[in-house]
Amino acid sequence: MASKGRKDATMKKARTRSTHIFDEAAAATADDDQNIEENYAHLTGRQKRLLELRLKMNEARKANQTAMVVEKKKQEAPA
């Protein structure tokens, strides 16, 4: 039984660490998006389209990550 408690504590630390890493990644992505938009004016049509698609993908990635965190919290919550 003692090893199960230790395992649970270890898993909780790992989840906390992974959530923190995802939060940092989301913040870095937001900064990158802002820097990219500042240089938007000199791009060609194809480059603008590629930039728009990349920004949409980043937004979707952030939304997916948020949904994953919410789902994990629901699973961890005592029923």
PDB file of N, CA and C in Angstrom:
ATOM      1  N   MET A   1       0.809  -1.197   0.000  1.00  0.00           N
ATOM      2  CA  MET A   1       0.000   0.000   0.000  1.00  0.00           C
ATOM      3  C   MET A   1       0.855   1.266   0.000  1.00  0.00           C
ATOM      4  N   ALA A   2       1.973   1.232   0.708  1.00  0.00           N
ATOM      5  CA  ALA A   2       2.821   2.422   0.798  1.00  0.00           C
ATOM      6  C   ALA A   2       3.354   2.816  -0.577  1.00  0.00           C
ATOM      7  N   SER A   3       3.664   1.838  -1.417  1.00  0.00           N
ATOM      8  CA  SER A   3       4.201   2.151  -2.734  1.00  0.00           C
ATOM      9  C   SER A   3       3.145   2.798  -3.617  1.00  0.00           C
ATOM     10  N   LYS A   4       1.861   2.439  -3.425  1.00  0.00           N
ATOM     11  CA  LYS A   4       0.806   3.051  -4.219  1.00  0.00           C
ATOM     12  C   LYS A   4       0.691   4.543  -3.912  1.00  0.00           C
ATOM     13  N   GLY A   5       0.790   4.918  -2.643  1.00  0.00           N
ATOM     14  CA  GLY A   5       0.742   6.330  -2.264  1.00  0.00           C
ATOM     15  C   GLY A   5       1.894   7.106  -2.868  1.00  0.00           C
ATOM     16  N   ARG A   6       3.059   6.484  -2.877  1.00  0.00           N
ATOM     17  CA  ARG A   6       4.238   7.132  -3.458  1.00  0.00           C
ATOM     18  C   ARG A   6       4.050   7.290  -4.965  1.00  0.00           C
ATOM     19  N   LYS A   7       3.485   6.264  -5.592  1.00  0.00           N
ATOM     20  CA  LYS A   7       3.250   6.306  -7.035  1.00  0.00           C
ATOM     21  C   LYS A   7       2.246   7.415  -7.369  1.00  0.00           C
ATOM     22  N   ASP A   8       1.180   7.536  -6.574  1.00  0.00           N
ATOM     23  CA  ASP A   8       0.189   8.585  -6.798  1.00  0.00           C
ATOM     24  C   ASP A   8       0.817   9.972  -6.677  1.00  0.00           C
ATOM     25  N   ALA A   9       1.671  10.144  -5.684  1.00  0.00           N
ATOM     26  CA  ALA A   9       2.343  11.436  -5.490  1.00  0.00           C
ATOM     27  C   ALA A   9       3.256  11.752  -6.669  1.00  0.00           C
ATOM     28  N   THR A  10       3.949  10.735  -7.155  1.00  0.00           N
ATOM     29  CA  THR A  10       4.844  10.922  -8.297  1.00  0.00           C
ATOM     30  C   THR A  10       4.052  11.302  -9.545  1.00  0.00           C
ATOM     31  N   MET A  11       2.926  10.626  -9.761  1.00  0.00           N
ATOM     32  CA  MET A  11       2.089  10.928 -10.922  1.00  0.00           C
ATOM     33  C   MET A  11       1.531  12.345 -10.836  1.00  0.00           C
ATOM     34  N   LYS A  12       1.150  12.766  -9.639  1.00  0.00           N
ATOM     35  CA  LYS A  12       0.613  14.120  -9.468  1.00  0.00           C
ATOM     36  C   LYS A  12       1.677  15.162  -9.787  1.00  0.00           C
ATOM     37  N   LYS A  13       2.909  14.916  -9.342  1.00  0.00           N
ATOM     38  CA  LYS A  13       4.004  15.843  -9.651  1.00  0.00           C
ATOM     39  C   LYS A  13       4.236  15.918 -11.156  1.00  0.00           C
ATOM     40  N   ALA A  14       4.201  14.767 -11.821  1.00  0.00           N
ATOM     41  CA  ALA A  14       4.421  14.718 -13.268  1.00  0.00           C
ATOM     42  C   ALA A  14       3.335  15.497 -14.001  1.00  0.00           C
ATOM     43  N   ARG A  15       2.081  15.342 -13.570  1.00  0.00           N
ATOM     44  CA  ARG A  15       0.988  16.079 -14.213  1.00  0.00           C
ATOM     45  C   ARG A  15       1.142  17.576 -13.994  1.00  0.00           C
ATOM     46  N   THR A  16       1.528  17.970 -12.788  1.00  0.00           N
ATOM     47  CA  THR A  16       1.724  19.388 -12.492  1.00  0.00           C
ATOM     48  C   THR A  16       2.838  19.956 -13.363  1.00  0.00           C
ATOM     49  N   ARG A  17       3.931  19.201 -13.485  1.00  0.00           N
ATOM     50  CA  ARG A  17       5.043  19.636 -14.317  1.00  0.00           C
ATOM     51  C   ARG A  17       4.622  19.772 -15.777  1.00  0.00           C
ATOM     52  N   SER A  18       3.873  18.789 -16.292  1.00  0.00           N
ATOM     53  CA  SER A  18       3.477  18.829 -17.697  1.00  0.00           C
ATOM     54  C   SER A  18       2.522  19.992 -17.947  1.00  0.00           C
ATOM     55  N   THR A  19       1.621  20.279 -17.015  1.00  0.00           N
ATOM     56  CA  THR A  19       0.708  21.411 -17.165  1.00  0.00           C
ATOM     57  C   THR A  19       1.501  22.711 -17.206  1.00  0.00           C
ATOM     58  N   HIS A  20       2.518  22.828 -16.348  1.00  0.00           N
ATOM     59  CA  HIS A  20       3.358  24.024 -16.329  1.00  0.00           C
ATOM     60  C   HIS A  20       4.093  24.187 -17.654  1.00  0.00           C
ATOM     61  N   ILE A  21       4.600  23.104 -18.201  1.00  0.00           N
ATOM     62  CA  ILE A  21       5.310  23.156 -19.484  1.00  0.00           C
ATOM     63  C   ILE A  21       4.362  23.634 -20.580  1.00  0.00           C
ATOM     64  N   PHE A  22       3.113  23.121 -20.581  1.00  0.00           N
ATOM     65  CA  PHE A  22       2.154  23.525 -21.592  1.00  0.00           C
ATOM     66  C   PHE A  22       1.803  25.000 -21.449  1.00  0.00           C
ATOM     67  N   ASP A  23       1.700  25.495 -20.216  1.00  0.00           N
ATOM     68  CA  ASP A  23       1.415  26.906 -19.993  1.00  0.00           C
ATOM     69  C   ASP A  23       2.540  27.775 -20.547  1.00  0.00           C
ATOM     70  N   GLU A  24       3.780  27.356 -20.330  1.00  0.00           N
ATOM     71  CA  GLU A  24       4.921  28.097 -20.861  1.00  0.00           C
ATOM     72  C   GLU A  24       4.911  28.079 -22.381  1.00  0.00           C
ATOM     73  N   ALA A  25       4.573  26.942 -22.969  1.00  0.00           N
ATOM     74  CA  ALA A  25       4.535  26.825 -24.426  1.00  0.00           C
ATOM     75  C   ALA A  25       3.456  27.734 -25.007  1.00  0.00           C
ATOM     76  N   ALA A  26       2.310  27.803 -24.356  1.00  0.00           N
ATOM     77  CA  ALA A  26       1.226  28.663 -24.829  1.00  0.00           C
ATOM     78  C   ALA A  26       1.641  30.128 -24.765  1.00  0.00           C
ATOM     79  N   ALA A  27       2.328  30.517 -23.697  1.00  0.00           N
ATOM     80  CA  ALA A  27       2.787  31.899 -23.568  1.00  0.00           C
ATOM     81  C   ALA A  27       3.819  32.223 -24.649  1.00  0.00           C
ATOM     82  N   ALA A  28       4.725  31.302 -24.905  1.00  0.00           N
ATOM     83  CA  ALA A  28       5.743  31.518 -25.935  1.00  0.00           C
ATOM     84  C   ALA A  28       5.099  31.627 -27.308  1.00  0.00           C
ATOM     85  N   THR A  29       4.081  30.805 -27.571  1.00  0.00           N
ATOM     86  CA  THR A  29       3.388  30.848 -28.851  1.00  0.00           C
ATOM     87  C   THR A  29       2.679  32.181 -29.029  1.00  0.00           C
ATOM     88  N   ALA A  30       2.083  32.698 -27.972  1.00  0.00           N
ATOM     89  CA  ALA A  30       1.393  33.986 -28.052  1.00  0.00           C
ATOM     90  C   ALA A  30       2.378  35.099 -28.384  1.00  0.00           C
ATOM     91  N   ASP A  31       3.561  35.068 -27.780  1.00  0.00           N
ATOM     92  CA  ASP A  31       4.588  36.063 -28.080  1.00  0.00           C
ATOM     93  C   ASP A  31       5.043  35.951 -29.523  1.00  0.00           C
ATOM     94  N   ASP A  32       5.232  34.723 -30.008  1.00  0.00           N
ATOM     95  CA  ASP A  32       5.648  34.502 -31.388  1.00  0.00           C
ATOM     96  C   ASP A  32       4.597  35.031 -32.357  1.00  0.00           C
ATOM     97  N   ASP A  33       3.319  34.785 -32.060  1.00  0.00           N
ATOM     98  CA  ASP A  33       2.239  35.255 -32.919  1.00  0.00           C
ATOM     99  C   ASP A  33       2.263  36.771 -33.036  1.00  0.00           C
ATOM    100  N   GLN A  34       2.490  37.446 -31.926  1.00  0.00           N
ATOM    101  CA  GLN A  34       2.509  38.901 -31.935  1.00  0.00           C
ATOM    102  C   GLN A  34       3.694  39.405 -32.758  1.00  0.00           C
ATOM    103  N   ASN A  35       4.858  38.795 -32.613  1.00  0.00           N
ATOM    104  CA  ASN A  35       6.031  39.208 -33.375  1.00  0.00           C
ATOM    105  C   ASN A  35       5.825  38.973 -34.864  1.00  0.00           C
ATOM    106  N   ILE A  36       5.180  37.885 -35.220  1.00  0.00           N
ATOM    107  CA  ILE A  36       4.936  37.572 -36.625  1.00  0.00           C
ATOM    108  C   ILE A  36       3.997  38.599 -37.241  1.00  0.00           C
ATOM    109  N   GLU A  37       2.948  38.965 -36.511  1.00  0.00           N
ATOM    110  CA  GLU A  37       1.971  39.911 -37.037  1.00  0.00           C
ATOM    111  C   GLU A  37       2.576  41.285 -37.285  1.00  0.00           C
ATOM    112  N   GLU A  38       3.600  41.654 -36.533  1.00  0.00           N
ATOM    113  CA  GLU A  38       4.247  42.954 -36.729  1.00  0.00           C
ATOM    114  C   GLU A  38       4.953  43.026 -38.082  1.00  0.00           C
ATOM    115  N   ASN A  39       5.440  41.902 -38.571  1.00  0.00           N
ATOM    116  CA  ASN A  39       6.159  41.863 -39.840  1.00  0.00           C
ATOM    117  C   ASN A  39       5.248  41.463 -40.997  1.00  0.00           C
ATOM    118  N   TYR A  40       3.973  41.566 -40.835  1.00  0.00           N
ATOM    119  CA  TYR A  40       2.970  41.101 -41.784  1.00  0.00           C
ATOM    120  C   TYR A  40       2.932  41.934 -43.064  1.00  0.00           C
ATOM    121  N   ALA A  41       3.256  43.197 -42.993  1.00  0.00           N
ATOM    122  CA  ALA A  41       3.061  44.139 -44.093  1.00  0.00           C
ATOM    123  C   ALA A  41       3.873  43.803 -45.345  1.00  0.00           C
ATOM    124  N   HIS A  42       5.072  43.335 -45.220  1.00  0.00           N
ATOM    125  CA  HIS A  42       5.942  43.142 -46.385  1.00  0.00           C
ATOM    126  C   HIS A  42       5.830  41.757 -47.028  1.00  0.00           C
ATOM    127  N   LEU A  43       4.912  40.926 -46.574  1.00  0.00           N
ATOM    128  CA  LEU A  43       4.802  39.562 -47.081  1.00  0.00           C
ATOM    129  C   LEU A  43       4.026  39.514 -48.397  1.00  0.00           C
ATOM    130  N   THR A  44       4.343  38.511 -49.208  1.00  0.00           N
ATOM    131  CA  THR A  44       3.602  38.280 -50.449  1.00  0.00           C
ATOM    132  C   THR A  44       2.276  37.595 -50.101  1.00  0.00           C
ATOM    133  N   GLY A  45       1.423  37.436 -51.087  1.00  0.00           N
ATOM    134  CA  GLY A  45       0.125  36.807 -50.868  1.00  0.00           C
ATOM    135  C   GLY A  45       0.237  35.399 -50.316  1.00  0.00           C
ATOM    136  N   ARG A  46       1.120  34.602 -50.885  1.00  0.00           N
ATOM    137  CA  ARG A  46       1.317  33.221 -50.409  1.00  0.00           C
ATOM    138  C   ARG A  46       1.846  33.193 -48.978  1.00  0.00           C
ATOM    139  N   GLN A  47       2.777  34.086 -48.707  1.00  0.00           N
ATOM    140  CA  GLN A  47       3.353  34.130 -47.364  1.00  0.00           C
ATOM    141  C   GLN A  47       2.306  34.553 -46.333  1.00  0.00           C
ATOM    142  N   LYS A  48       1.437  35.501 -46.715  1.00  0.00           N
ATOM    143  CA  LYS A  48       0.368  35.927 -45.814  1.00  0.00           C
ATOM    144  C   LYS A  48      -0.584  34.770 -45.532  1.00  0.00           C
ATOM    145  N   ARG A  49      -0.933  34.020 -46.576  1.00  0.00           N
ATOM    146  CA  ARG A  49      -1.843  32.876 -46.400  1.00  0.00           C
ATOM    147  C   ARG A  49      -1.203  31.831 -45.492  1.00  0.00           C
ATOM    148  N   LEU A  50       0.067  31.547 -45.708  1.00  0.00           N
ATOM    149  CA  LEU A  50       0.769  30.585 -44.867  1.00  0.00           C
ATOM    150  C   LEU A  50       0.815  31.075 -43.418  1.00  0.00           C
ATOM    151  N   LEU A  51       1.061  32.350 -43.228  1.00  0.00           N
ATOM    152  CA  LEU A  51       1.076  32.929 -41.889  1.00  0.00           C
ATOM    153  C   LEU A  51      -0.287  32.793 -41.216  1.00  0.00           C
ATOM    154  N   GLU A  52      -1.349  33.100 -41.955  1.00  0.00           N
ATOM    155  CA  GLU A  52      -2.696  32.980 -41.396  1.00  0.00           C
ATOM    156  C   GLU A  52      -2.992  31.541 -40.996  1.00  0.00           C
ATOM    157  N   LEU A  53      -2.600  30.585 -41.836  1.00  0.00           N
ATOM    158  CA  LEU A  53      -2.815  29.177 -41.506  1.00  0.00           C
ATOM    159  C   LEU A  53      -2.021  28.767 -40.267  1.00  0.00           C
ATOM    160  N   ARG A  54      -0.802  29.249 -40.176  1.00  0.00           N
ATOM    161  CA  ARG A  54       0.032  28.929 -39.013  1.00  0.00           C
ATOM    162  C   ARG A  54      -0.581  29.493 -37.728  1.00  0.00           C
ATOM    163  N   LEU A  55      -1.096  30.718 -37.809  1.00  0.00           N
ATOM    164  CA  LEU A  55      -1.730  31.326 -36.634  1.00  0.00           C
ATOM    165  C   LEU A  55      -2.990  30.556 -36.223  1.00  0.00           C
ATOM    166  N   LYS A  56      -3.769  30.108 -37.226  1.00  0.00           N
ATOM    167  CA  LYS A  56      -4.958  29.311 -36.916  1.00  0.00           C
ATOM    168  C   LYS A  56      -4.572  28.002 -36.243  1.00  0.00           C
ATOM    169  N   MET A  57      -3.506  27.381 -36.744  1.00  0.00           N
ATOM    170  CA  MET A  57      -3.043  26.126 -36.139  1.00  0.00           C
ATOM    171  C   MET A  57      -2.603  26.356 -34.703  1.00  0.00           C
ATOM    172  N   ASN A  58      -1.915  27.452 -34.445  1.00  0.00           N
ATOM    173  CA  ASN A  58      -1.488  27.764 -33.078  1.00  0.00           C
ATOM    174  C   ASN A  58      -2.687  27.971 -32.158  1.00  0.00           C
ATOM    175  N   GLU A  59      -3.701  28.667 -32.644  1.00  0.00           N
ATOM    176  CA  GLU A  59      -4.903  28.877 -31.844  1.00  0.00           C
ATOM    177  C   GLU A  59      -5.583  27.546 -31.535  1.00  0.00           C
ATOM    178  N   ALA A  60      -5.674  26.687 -32.543  1.00  0.00           N
ATOM    179  CA  ALA A  60      -6.294  25.378 -32.346  1.00  0.00           C
ATOM    180  C   ALA A  60      -5.488  24.542 -31.361  1.00  0.00           C
ATOM    181  N   ARG A  61      -4.177  24.635 -31.438  1.00  0.00           N
ATOM    182  CA  ARG A  61      -3.304  23.891 -30.520  1.00  0.00           C
ATOM    183  C   ARG A  61      -3.525  24.355 -29.080  1.00  0.00           C
ATOM    184  N   LYS A  62      -3.649  25.661 -28.887  1.00  0.00           N
ATOM    185  CA  LYS A  62      -3.900  26.207 -27.550  1.00  0.00           C
ATOM    186  C   LYS A  62      -5.249  25.741 -27.022  1.00  0.00           C
ATOM    187  N   ALA A  63      -6.271  25.795 -27.876  1.00  0.00           N
ATOM    188  CA  ALA A  63      -7.607  25.368 -27.454  1.00  0.00           C
ATOM    189  C   ALA A  63      -7.614  23.887 -27.109  1.00  0.00           C
ATOM    190  N   ASN A  64      -6.919  23.091 -27.898  1.00  0.00           N
ATOM    191  CA  ASN A  64      -6.837  21.657 -27.637  1.00  0.00           C
ATOM    192  C   ASN A  64      -6.128  21.396 -26.315  1.00  0.00           C
ATOM    193  N   GLN A  65      -5.070  22.108 -26.066  1.00  0.00           N
ATOM    194  CA  GLN A  65      -4.323  21.928 -24.825  1.00  0.00           C
ATOM    195  C   GLN A  65      -5.185  22.284 -23.618  1.00  0.00           C
ATOM    196  N   THR A  66      -5.918  23.376 -23.724  1.00  0.00           N
ATOM    197  CA  THR A  66      -6.804  23.792 -22.641  1.00  0.00           C
ATOM    198  C   THR A  66      -7.868  22.732 -22.392  1.00  0.00           C
ATOM    199  N   ALA A  67      -8.434  22.204 -23.473  1.00  0.00           N
ATOM    200  CA  ALA A  67      -9.457  21.164 -23.334  1.00  0.00           C
ATOM    201  C   ALA A  67      -8.877  19.909 -22.683  1.00  0.00           C
ATOM    202  N   MET A  68      -7.640  19.570 -23.025  1.00  0.00           N
ATOM    203  CA  MET A  68      -6.994  18.399 -22.422  1.00  0.00           C
ATOM    204  C   MET A  68      -6.808  18.591 -20.926  1.00  0.00           C
ATOM    205  N   VAL A  69      -6.381  19.765 -20.519  1.00  0.00           N
ATOM    206  CA  VAL A  69      -6.167  20.043 -19.100  1.00  0.00           C
ATOM    207  C   VAL A  69      -7.486  19.956 -18.342  1.00  0.00           C
ATOM    208  N   VAL A  70      -8.550  20.527 -18.917  1.00  0.00           N
ATOM    209  CA  VAL A  70      -9.861  20.481 -18.282  1.00  0.00           C
ATOM    210  C   VAL A  70     -10.330  19.035 -18.146  1.00  0.00           C
ATOM    211  N   GLU A  71     -10.146  18.258 -19.203  1.00  0.00           N
ATOM    212  CA  GLU A  71     -10.567  16.852 -19.176  1.00  0.00           C
ATOM    213  C   GLU A  71      -9.790  16.057 -18.125  1.00  0.00           C
ATOM    214  N   LYS A  72      -8.491  16.309 -18.024  1.00  0.00           N
ATOM    215  CA  LYS A  72      -7.689  15.619 -17.013  1.00  0.00           C
ATOM    216  C   LYS A  72      -8.145  15.980 -15.606  1.00  0.00           C
ATOM    217  N   LYS A  73      -8.465  17.252 -15.392  1.00  0.00           N
ATOM    218  CA  LYS A  73      -8.925  17.679 -14.070  1.00  0.00           C
ATOM    219  C   LYS A  73     -10.250  17.004 -13.726  1.00  0.00           C
ATOM    220  N   LYS A  74     -11.137  16.859 -14.720  1.00  0.00           N
ATOM    221  CA  LYS A  74     -12.408  16.180 -14.484  1.00  0.00           C
ATOM    222  C   LYS A  74     -12.182  14.718 -14.118  1.00  0.00           C
ATOM    223  N   GLN A  75     -11.242  14.054 -14.790  1.00  0.00           N
ATOM    224  CA  GLN A  75     -10.948  12.651 -14.511  1.00  0.00           C
ATOM    225  C   GLN A  75     -10.334  12.477 -13.136  1.00  0.00           C
ATOM    226  N   GLU A  76      -9.527  13.423 -12.714  1.00  0.00           N
ATOM    227  CA  GLU A  76      -8.851  13.328 -11.423  1.00  0.00           C
ATOM    228  C   GLU A  76      -9.776  13.661 -10.263  1.00  0.00           C
ATOM    229  N   ALA A  77     -10.806  14.446 -10.510  1.00  0.00           N
ATOM    230  CA  ALA A  77     -11.713  14.862  -9.449  1.00  0.00           C
ATOM    231  C   ALA A  77     -12.464  13.649  -8.898  1.00  0.00           C
ATOM    232  N   PRO A  78     -12.602  13.601  -7.585  1.00  0.00           N
ATOM    233  CA  PRO A  78     -13.348  12.478  -7.005  1.00  0.00           C
ATOM    234  C   PRO A  78     -14.810  12.545  -7.392  1.00  0.00           C
ATOM    235  N   ALA A  79     -15.351  11.404  -7.767  1.00  0.00           N
ATOM    236  CA  ALA A  79     -16.744  11.361  -8.231  1.00  0.00           C
ATOM    237  C   ALA A  79     -17.726  11.167  -7.108  1.00  0.00           C
TER     238      ALA A  79
END
